[in-house]
Amino acid sequence: MRKTSVIQERVSLVSTHMYKQYLEYQHANLNTQEMFIKMISNLDATVEYLKQYFSSRGISAQNIYYK
Protein backbone atom coordinates (compact mmCIF):
# COMPACT_ATOMS: atom_id res chain seq x y z
CA MET A 1 0.00 0.00 0.00
CA ARG A 2 2.82 2.40 0.86
CA LYS A 3 4.45 1.81 -2.51
CA THR A 4 1.23 2.76 -4.33
CA SER A 5 0.90 6.05 -2.47
CA VAL A 6 4.55 6.93 -3.20
CA ILE A 7 4.00 6.21 -6.88
CA GLN A 8 0.84 8.33 -6.92
CA GLU A 9 2.65 11.19 -5.23
CA ARG A 10 5.50 11.09 -7.74
CA VAL A 11 3.14 10.84 -10.68
CA SER A 12 1.31 13.85 -9.31
CA LEU A 13 4.57 15.81 -9.03
CA VAL A 14 5.63 14.87 -12.55
CA SER A 15 2.22 15.70 -14.03
CA THR A 16 2.20 19.06 -12.25
CA HIS A 17 5.65 19.84 -13.64
CA MET A 18 4.60 18.76 -17.15
CA TYR A 19 1.50 20.93 -16.98
CA LYS A 20 3.61 23.96 -15.99
CA GLN A 21 5.89 23.25 -18.96
CA TYR A 22 2.86 23.03 -21.24
CA LEU A 23 1.60 26.41 -20.04
CA GLU A 24 5.04 27.93 -20.59
CA TYR A 25 5.09 26.46 -24.10
CA GLN A 26 1.69 27.97 -24.88
CA HIS A 27 2.84 31.37 -23.61
CA ALA A 28 6.07 31.21 -25.63
CA ASN A 29 4.17 30.16 -28.74
CA LEU A 30 1.79 33.11 -28.41
CA ASN A 31 4.68 35.52 -27.88
CA THR A 32 6.45 34.14 -30.96
CA GLN A 33 3.34 34.57 -33.09
CA GLU A 34 2.92 38.17 -31.91
CA MET A 35 6.58 38.91 -32.62
CA PHE A 36 6.35 37.62 -36.19
CA ILE A 37 3.14 39.57 -36.80
CA LYS A 38 4.91 42.74 -35.66
CA MET A 39 7.95 41.94 -37.82
CA ILE A 40 5.74 41.47 -40.88
CA SER A 41 3.87 44.71 -40.31
CA ASN A 42 7.17 46.58 -39.94
CA LEU A 43 8.49 44.87 -43.03
CA ASP A 44 5.56 46.24 -45.04
CA ALA A 45 6.44 49.77 -43.94
CA THR A 46 10.15 49.28 -44.62
CA VAL A 47 9.57 47.95 -48.13
CA GLU A 48 7.20 50.81 -48.92
CA TYR A 49 9.71 53.35 -47.63
CA LEU A 50 12.47 51.84 -49.77
CA LYS A 51 10.21 51.87 -52.84
CA GLN A 52 9.38 55.55 -52.28
CA TYR A 53 13.01 56.42 -51.65
CA PHE A 54 14.31 54.82 -54.84
CA SER A 55 11.35 55.91 -56.99
CA SER A 56 11.83 59.54 -55.94
CA ARG A 57 15.36 59.34 -57.30
CA GLY A 58 14.32 57.82 -60.59
CA ILE A 59 15.54 54.33 -59.71
CA SER A 60 13.32 51.36 -60.49
CA ALA A 61 11.65 49.92 -57.40
CA GLN A 62 10.17 46.87 -59.09
CA ASN A 63 12.69 44.51 -57.45
CA ILE A 64 12.01 45.77 -53.94
CA TYR A 65 9.71 43.24 -52.29
CA TYR A 66 9.62 40.38 -49.85
CA LYS A 67 7.98 36.98 -49.67
PDB file of N, CA and C in Angstrom:
ATOM      1  N   MET A   1       0.825  -1.196   0.000  1.00  0.00           N
ATOM      2  CA  MET A   1       0.000   0.000   0.000  1.00  0.00           C
ATOM      3  C   MET A   1       0.868   1.257   0.000  1.00  0.00           C
ATOM      4  N   ARG A   2       1.919   1.244   0.785  1.00  0.00           N
ATOM      5  CA  ARG A   2       2.822   2.403   0.865  1.00  0.00           C
ATOM      6  C   ARG A   2       3.453   2.701  -0.487  1.00  0.00           C
ATOM      7  N   LYS A   3       3.815   1.640  -1.211  1.00  0.00           N
ATOM      8  CA  LYS A   3       4.449   1.813  -2.515  1.00  0.00           C
ATOM      9  C   LYS A   3       3.492   2.497  -3.495  1.00  0.00           C
ATOM     10  N   THR A   4       2.235   2.163  -3.453  1.00  0.00           N
ATOM     11  CA  THR A   4       1.231   2.759  -4.329  1.00  0.00           C
ATOM     12  C   THR A   4       1.077   4.243  -4.058  1.00  0.00           C
ATOM     13  N   SER A   5       1.056   4.631  -2.798  1.00  0.00           N
ATOM     14  CA  SER A   5       0.904   6.049  -2.472  1.00  0.00           C
ATOM     15  C   SER A   5       2.144   6.851  -2.875  1.00  0.00           C
ATOM     16  N   VAL A   6       3.316   6.262  -2.776  1.00  0.00           N
ATOM     17  CA  VAL A   6       4.549   6.930  -3.201  1.00  0.00           C
ATOM     18  C   VAL A   6       4.519   7.127  -4.717  1.00  0.00           C
ATOM     19  N   ILE A   7       4.089   6.107  -5.423  1.00  0.00           N
ATOM     20  CA  ILE A   7       4.001   6.214  -6.879  1.00  0.00           C
ATOM     21  C   ILE A   7       2.996   7.285  -7.267  1.00  0.00           C
ATOM     22  N   GLN A   8       1.859   7.312  -6.621  1.00  0.00           N
ATOM     23  CA  GLN A   8       0.841   8.326  -6.924  1.00  0.00           C
ATOM     24  C   GLN A   8       1.358   9.730  -6.654  1.00  0.00           C
ATOM     25  N   GLU A   9       2.092   9.881  -5.565  1.00  0.00           N
ATOM     26  CA  GLU A   9       2.650  11.188  -5.229  1.00  0.00           C
ATOM     27  C   GLU A   9       3.640  11.646  -6.290  1.00  0.00           C
ATOM     28  N   ARG A  10       4.500  10.731  -6.723  1.00  0.00           N
ATOM     29  CA  ARG A  10       5.497  11.091  -7.739  1.00  0.00           C
ATOM     30  C   ARG A  10       4.852  11.369  -9.086  1.00  0.00           C
ATOM     31  N   VAL A  11       3.857  10.586  -9.437  1.00  0.00           N
ATOM     32  CA  VAL A  11       3.140  10.842 -10.683  1.00  0.00           C
ATOM     33  C   VAL A  11       2.471  12.204 -10.616  1.00  0.00           C
ATOM     34  N   SER A  12       1.932  12.543  -9.483  1.00  0.00           N
ATOM     35  CA  SER A  12       1.308  13.846  -9.305  1.00  0.00           C
ATOM     36  C   SER A  12       2.334  14.967  -9.477  1.00  0.00           C
ATOM     37  N   LEU A  13       3.514  14.808  -8.893  1.00  0.00           N
ATOM     38  CA  LEU A  13       4.569  15.813  -9.028  1.00  0.00           C
ATOM     39  C   LEU A  13       5.009  15.960 -10.491  1.00  0.00           C
ATOM     40  N   VAL A  14       5.198  14.831 -11.157  1.00  0.00           N
ATOM     41  CA  VAL A  14       5.629  14.867 -12.552  1.00  0.00           C
ATOM     42  C   VAL A  14       4.549  15.502 -13.425  1.00  0.00           C
ATOM     43  N   SER A  15       3.297  15.131 -13.209  1.00  0.00           N
ATOM     44  CA  SER A  15       2.224  15.700 -14.033  1.00  0.00           C
ATOM     45  C   SER A  15       2.062  17.196 -13.777  1.00  0.00           C
ATOM     46  N   THR A  16       2.249  17.635 -12.552  1.00  0.00           N
ATOM     47  CA  THR A  16       2.197  19.064 -12.249  1.00  0.00           C
ATOM     48  C   THR A  16       3.311  19.808 -12.980  1.00  0.00           C
ATOM     49  N   HIS A  17       4.508  19.236 -12.948  1.00  0.00           N
ATOM     50  CA  HIS A  17       5.647  19.844 -13.642  1.00  0.00           C
ATOM     51  C   HIS A  17       5.395  19.884 -15.151  1.00  0.00           C
ATOM     52  N   MET A  18       4.881  18.810 -15.714  1.00  0.00           N
ATOM     53  CA  MET A  18       4.605  18.757 -17.147  1.00  0.00           C
ATOM     54  C   MET A  18       3.531  19.774 -17.536  1.00  0.00           C
ATOM     55  N   TYR A  19       2.539  19.958 -16.696  1.00  0.00           N
ATOM     56  CA  TYR A  19       1.495  20.935 -16.976  1.00  0.00           C
ATOM     57  C   TYR A  19       2.069  22.359 -16.974  1.00  0.00           C
ATOM     58  N   LYS A  20       2.958  22.641 -16.026  1.00  0.00           N
ATOM     59  CA  LYS A  20       3.607  23.956 -15.992  1.00  0.00           C
ATOM     60  C   LYS A  20       4.420  24.182 -17.259  1.00  0.00           C
ATOM     61  N   GLN A  21       5.120  23.143 -17.722  1.00  0.00           N
ATOM     62  CA  GLN A  21       5.889  23.254 -18.963  1.00  0.00           C
ATOM     63  C   GLN A  21       4.964  23.507 -20.154  1.00  0.00           C
ATOM     64  N   TYR A  22       3.829  22.845 -20.170  1.00  0.00           N
ATOM     65  CA  TYR A  22       2.863  23.030 -21.241  1.00  0.00           C
ATOM     66  C   TYR A  22       2.359  24.472 -21.273  1.00  0.00           C
ATOM     67  N   LEU A  23       2.050  25.023 -20.106  1.00  0.00           N
ATOM     68  CA  LEU A  23       1.595  26.415 -20.042  1.00  0.00           C
ATOM     69  C   LEU A  23       2.686  27.374 -20.508  1.00  0.00           C
ATOM     70  N   GLU A  24       3.926  27.106 -20.134  1.00  0.00           N
ATOM     71  CA  GLU A  24       5.043  27.932 -20.588  1.00  0.00           C
ATOM     72  C   GLU A  24       5.194  27.846 -22.106  1.00  0.00           C
ATOM     73  N   TYR A  25       5.025  26.643 -22.647  1.00  0.00           N
ATOM     74  CA  TYR A  25       5.095  26.464 -24.102  1.00  0.00           C
ATOM     75  C   TYR A  25       4.001  27.282 -24.788  1.00  0.00           C
ATOM     76  N   GLN A  26       2.788  27.215 -24.287  1.00  0.00           N
ATOM     77  CA  GLN A  26       1.690  27.972 -24.883  1.00  0.00           C
ATOM     78  C   GLN A  26       1.984  29.467 -24.859  1.00  0.00           C
ATOM     79  N   HIS A  27       2.508  29.951 -23.752  1.00  0.00           N
ATOM     80  CA  HIS A  27       2.840  31.374 -23.613  1.00  0.00           C
ATOM     81  C   HIS A  27       3.947  31.763 -24.608  1.00  0.00           C
ATOM     82  N   ALA A  28       4.979  30.932 -24.698  1.00  0.00           N
ATOM     83  CA  ALA A  28       6.074  31.210 -25.627  1.00  0.00           C
ATOM     84  C   ALA A  28       5.589  31.183 -27.068  1.00  0.00           C
ATOM     85  N   ASN A  29       4.716  30.256 -27.386  1.00  0.00           N
ATOM     86  CA  ASN A  29       4.172  30.158 -28.735  1.00  0.00           C
ATOM     87  C   ASN A  29       3.377  31.411 -29.093  1.00  0.00           C
ATOM     88  N   LEU A  30       2.565  31.887 -28.180  1.00  0.00           N
ATOM     89  CA  LEU A  30       1.786  33.108 -28.413  1.00  0.00           C
ATOM     90  C   LEU A  30       2.705  34.311 -28.597  1.00  0.00           C
ATOM     91  N   ASN A  31       3.721  34.421 -27.752  1.00  0.00           N
ATOM     92  CA  ASN A  31       4.680  35.524 -27.878  1.00  0.00           C
ATOM     93  C   ASN A  31       5.406  35.486 -29.222  1.00  0.00           C
ATOM     94  N   THR A  32       5.764  34.286 -29.675  1.00  0.00           N
ATOM     95  CA  THR A  32       6.448  34.140 -30.956  1.00  0.00           C
ATOM     96  C   THR A  32       5.545  34.568 -32.097  1.00  0.00           C
ATOM     97  N   GLN A  33       4.281  34.170 -32.058  1.00  0.00           N
ATOM     98  CA  GLN A  33       3.339  34.572 -33.092  1.00  0.00           C
ATOM     99  C   GLN A  33       3.191  36.092 -33.130  1.00  0.00           C
ATOM    100  N   GLU A  34       3.064  36.706 -31.976  1.00  0.00           N
ATOM    101  CA  GLU A  34       2.920  38.168 -31.913  1.00  0.00           C
ATOM    102  C   GLU A  34       4.164  38.855 -32.455  1.00  0.00           C
ATOM    103  N   MET A  35       5.337  38.316 -32.142  1.00  0.00           N
ATOM    104  CA  MET A  35       6.585  38.905 -32.616  1.00  0.00           C
ATOM    105  C   MET A  35       6.652  38.860 -34.134  1.00  0.00           C
ATOM    106  N   PHE A  36       6.299  37.723 -34.739  1.00  0.00           N
ATOM    107  CA  PHE A  36       6.350  37.621 -36.195  1.00  0.00           C
ATOM    108  C   PHE A  36       5.305  38.510 -36.859  1.00  0.00           C
ATOM    109  N   ILE A  37       4.150  38.660 -36.259  1.00  0.00           N
ATOM    110  CA  ILE A  37       3.139  39.570 -36.804  1.00  0.00           C
ATOM    111  C   ILE A  37       3.674  40.997 -36.808  1.00  0.00           C
ATOM    112  N   LYS A  38       4.331  41.395 -35.726  1.00  0.00           N
ATOM    113  CA  LYS A  38       4.913  42.740 -35.659  1.00  0.00           C
ATOM    114  C   LYS A  38       6.035  42.901 -36.677  1.00  0.00           C
ATOM    115  N   MET A  39       6.860  41.874 -36.837  1.00  0.00           N
ATOM    116  CA  MET A  39       7.946  41.943 -37.820  1.00  0.00           C
ATOM    117  C   MET A  39       7.386  42.116 -39.225  1.00  0.00           C
ATOM    118  N   ILE A  40       6.335  41.378 -39.545  1.00  0.00           N
ATOM    119  CA  ILE A  40       5.741  41.470 -40.880  1.00  0.00           C
ATOM    120  C   ILE A  40       5.148  42.851 -41.116  1.00  0.00           C
ATOM    121  N   SER A  41       4.460  43.382 -40.115  1.00  0.00           N
ATOM    122  CA  SER A  41       3.869  44.709 -40.311  1.00  0.00           C
ATOM    123  C   SER A  41       4.955  45.769 -40.477  1.00  0.00           C
ATOM    124  N   ASN A  42       6.052  45.640 -39.768  1.00  0.00           N
ATOM    125  CA  ASN A  42       7.165  46.580 -39.945  1.00  0.00           C
ATOM    126  C   ASN A  42       7.857  46.375 -41.277  1.00  0.00           C
ATOM    127  N   LEU A  43       7.867  45.148 -41.751  1.00  0.00           N
ATOM    128  CA  LEU A  43       8.488  44.866 -43.035  1.00  0.00           C
ATOM    129  C   LEU A  43       7.711  45.535 -44.157  1.00  0.00           C
ATOM    130  N   ASP A  44       6.388  45.528 -44.046  1.00  0.00           N
ATOM    131  CA  ASP A  44       5.564  46.242 -45.041  1.00  0.00           C
ATOM    132  C   ASP A  44       5.976  47.713 -45.122  1.00  0.00           C
ATOM    133  N   ALA A  45       6.081  48.342 -43.983  1.00  0.00           N
ATOM    134  CA  ALA A  45       6.435  49.767 -43.942  1.00  0.00           C
ATOM    135  C   ALA A  45       7.844  49.996 -44.488  1.00  0.00           C
ATOM    136  N   THR A  46       8.775  49.135 -44.152  1.00  0.00           N
ATOM    137  CA  THR A  46      10.152  49.282 -44.619  1.00  0.00           C
ATOM    138  C   THR A  46      10.237  49.146 -46.133  1.00  0.00           C
ATOM    139  N   VAL A  47       9.555  48.143 -46.675  1.00  0.00           N
ATOM    140  CA  VAL A  47       9.567  47.947 -48.126  1.00  0.00           C
ATOM    141  C   VAL A  47       8.939  49.150 -48.830  1.00  0.00           C
ATOM    142  N   GLU A  48       7.839  49.641 -48.309  1.00  0.00           N
ATOM    143  CA  GLU A  48       7.196  50.808 -48.924  1.00  0.00           C
ATOM    144  C   GLU A  48       8.105  52.035 -48.868  1.00  0.00           C
ATOM    145  N   TYR A  49       8.791  52.228 -47.755  1.00  0.00           N
ATOM    146  CA  TYR A  49       9.709  53.350 -47.627  1.00  0.00           C
ATOM    147  C   TYR A  49      10.832  53.245 -48.659  1.00  0.00           C
ATOM    148  N   LEU A  50      11.394  52.039 -48.791  1.00  0.00           N
ATOM    149  CA  LEU A  50      12.469  51.845 -49.770  1.00  0.00           C
ATOM    150  C   LEU A  50      11.982  52.101 -51.190  1.00  0.00           C
ATOM    151  N   LYS A  51      10.775  51.640 -51.508  1.00  0.00           N
ATOM    152  CA  LYS A  51      10.209  51.875 -52.845  1.00  0.00           C
ATOM    153  C   LYS A  51      10.067  53.378 -53.109  1.00  0.00           C
ATOM    154  N   GLN A  52       9.543  54.099 -52.131  1.00  0.00           N
ATOM    155  CA  GLN A  52       9.379  55.545 -52.284  1.00  0.00           C
ATOM    156  C   GLN A  52      10.733  56.237 -52.445  1.00  0.00           C
ATOM    157  N   TYR A  53      11.680  55.823 -51.633  1.00  0.00           N
ATOM    158  CA  TYR A  53      13.014  56.421 -51.653  1.00  0.00           C
ATOM    159  C   TYR A  53      13.661  56.266 -53.024  1.00  0.00           C
ATOM    160  N   PHE A  54      13.677  55.048 -53.547  1.00  0.00           N
ATOM    161  CA  PHE A  54      14.312  54.816 -54.839  1.00  0.00           C
ATOM    162  C   PHE A  54      13.513  55.419 -55.990  1.00  0.00           C
ATOM    163  N   SER A  55      12.195  55.325 -55.936  1.00  0.00           N
ATOM    164  CA  SER A  55      11.354  55.911 -56.991  1.00  0.00           C
ATOM    165  C   SER A  55      11.537  57.415 -57.080  1.00  0.00           C
ATOM    166  N   SER A  56      11.661  58.086 -55.941  1.00  0.00           N
ATOM    167  CA  SER A  56      11.826  59.540 -55.944  1.00  0.00           C
ATOM    168  C   SER A  56      13.152  59.968 -56.559  1.00  0.00           C
ATOM    169  N   ARG A  57      14.062  59.045 -56.691  1.00  0.00           N
ATOM    170  CA  ARG A  57      15.364  59.342 -57.299  1.00  0.00           C
ATOM    171  C   ARG A  57      15.476  58.764 -58.714  1.00  0.00           C
ATOM    172  N   GLY A  58      14.331  58.322 -59.224  1.00  0.00           N
ATOM    173  CA  GLY A  58      14.320  57.819 -60.592  1.00  0.00           C
ATOM    174  C   GLY A  58      14.886  56.424 -60.757  1.00  0.00           C
ATOM    175  N   ILE A  59      15.008  55.696 -59.664  1.00  0.00           N
ATOM    176  CA  ILE A  59      15.544  54.329 -59.711  1.00  0.00           C
ATOM    177  C   ILE A  59      14.368  53.353 -59.631  1.00  0.00           C
ATOM    178  N   SER A  60      14.400  52.340 -60.466  1.00  0.00           N
ATOM    179  CA  SER A  60      13.316  51.359 -60.490  1.00  0.00           C
ATOM    180  C   SER A  60      13.173  50.677 -59.124  1.00  0.00           C
ATOM    181  N   ALA A  61      11.930  50.573 -58.693  1.00  0.00           N
ATOM    182  CA  ALA A  61      11.649  49.925 -57.403  1.00  0.00           C
ATOM    183  C   ALA A  61      10.939  48.587 -57.584  1.00  0.00           C
ATOM    184  N   GLN A  62      10.914  48.091 -58.825  1.00  0.00           N
ATOM    185  CA  GLN A  62      10.167  46.871 -59.086  1.00  0.00           C
ATOM    186  C   GLN A  62      10.772  45.634 -58.423  1.00  0.00           C
ATOM    187  N   ASN A  63      12.043  45.664 -58.089  1.00  0.00           N
ATOM    188  CA  ASN A  63      12.692  44.514 -57.451  1.00  0.00           C
ATOM    189  C   ASN A  63      12.738  44.633 -55.925  1.00  0.00           C
ATOM    190  N   ILE A  64      12.047  45.601 -55.390  1.00  0.00           N
ATOM    191  CA  ILE A  64      12.012  45.765 -53.935  1.00  0.00           C
ATOM    192  C   ILE A  64      10.719  45.123 -53.430  1.00  0.00           C
ATOM    193  N   TYR A  65      10.868  43.977 -52.815  1.00  0.00           N
ATOM    194  CA  TYR A  65       9.710  43.241 -52.291  1.00  0.00           C
ATOM    195  C   TYR A  65      10.210  42.182 -51.304  1.00  0.00           C
ATOM    196  N   TYR A  66       9.281  41.504 -50.715  1.00  0.00           N
ATOM    197  CA  TYR A  66       9.617  40.377 -49.852  1.00  0.00           C
ATOM    198  C   TYR A  66       8.557  39.300 -50.008  1.00  0.00           C
ATOM    199  N   LYS A  67       8.914  38.107 -49.642  1.00  0.00           N
ATOM    200  CA  LYS A  67       7.976  36.980 -49.670  1.00  0.00           C
ATOM    201  C   LYS A  67       7.805  36.462 -48.270  1.00  0.00           C
TER     202      LYS A  67
END
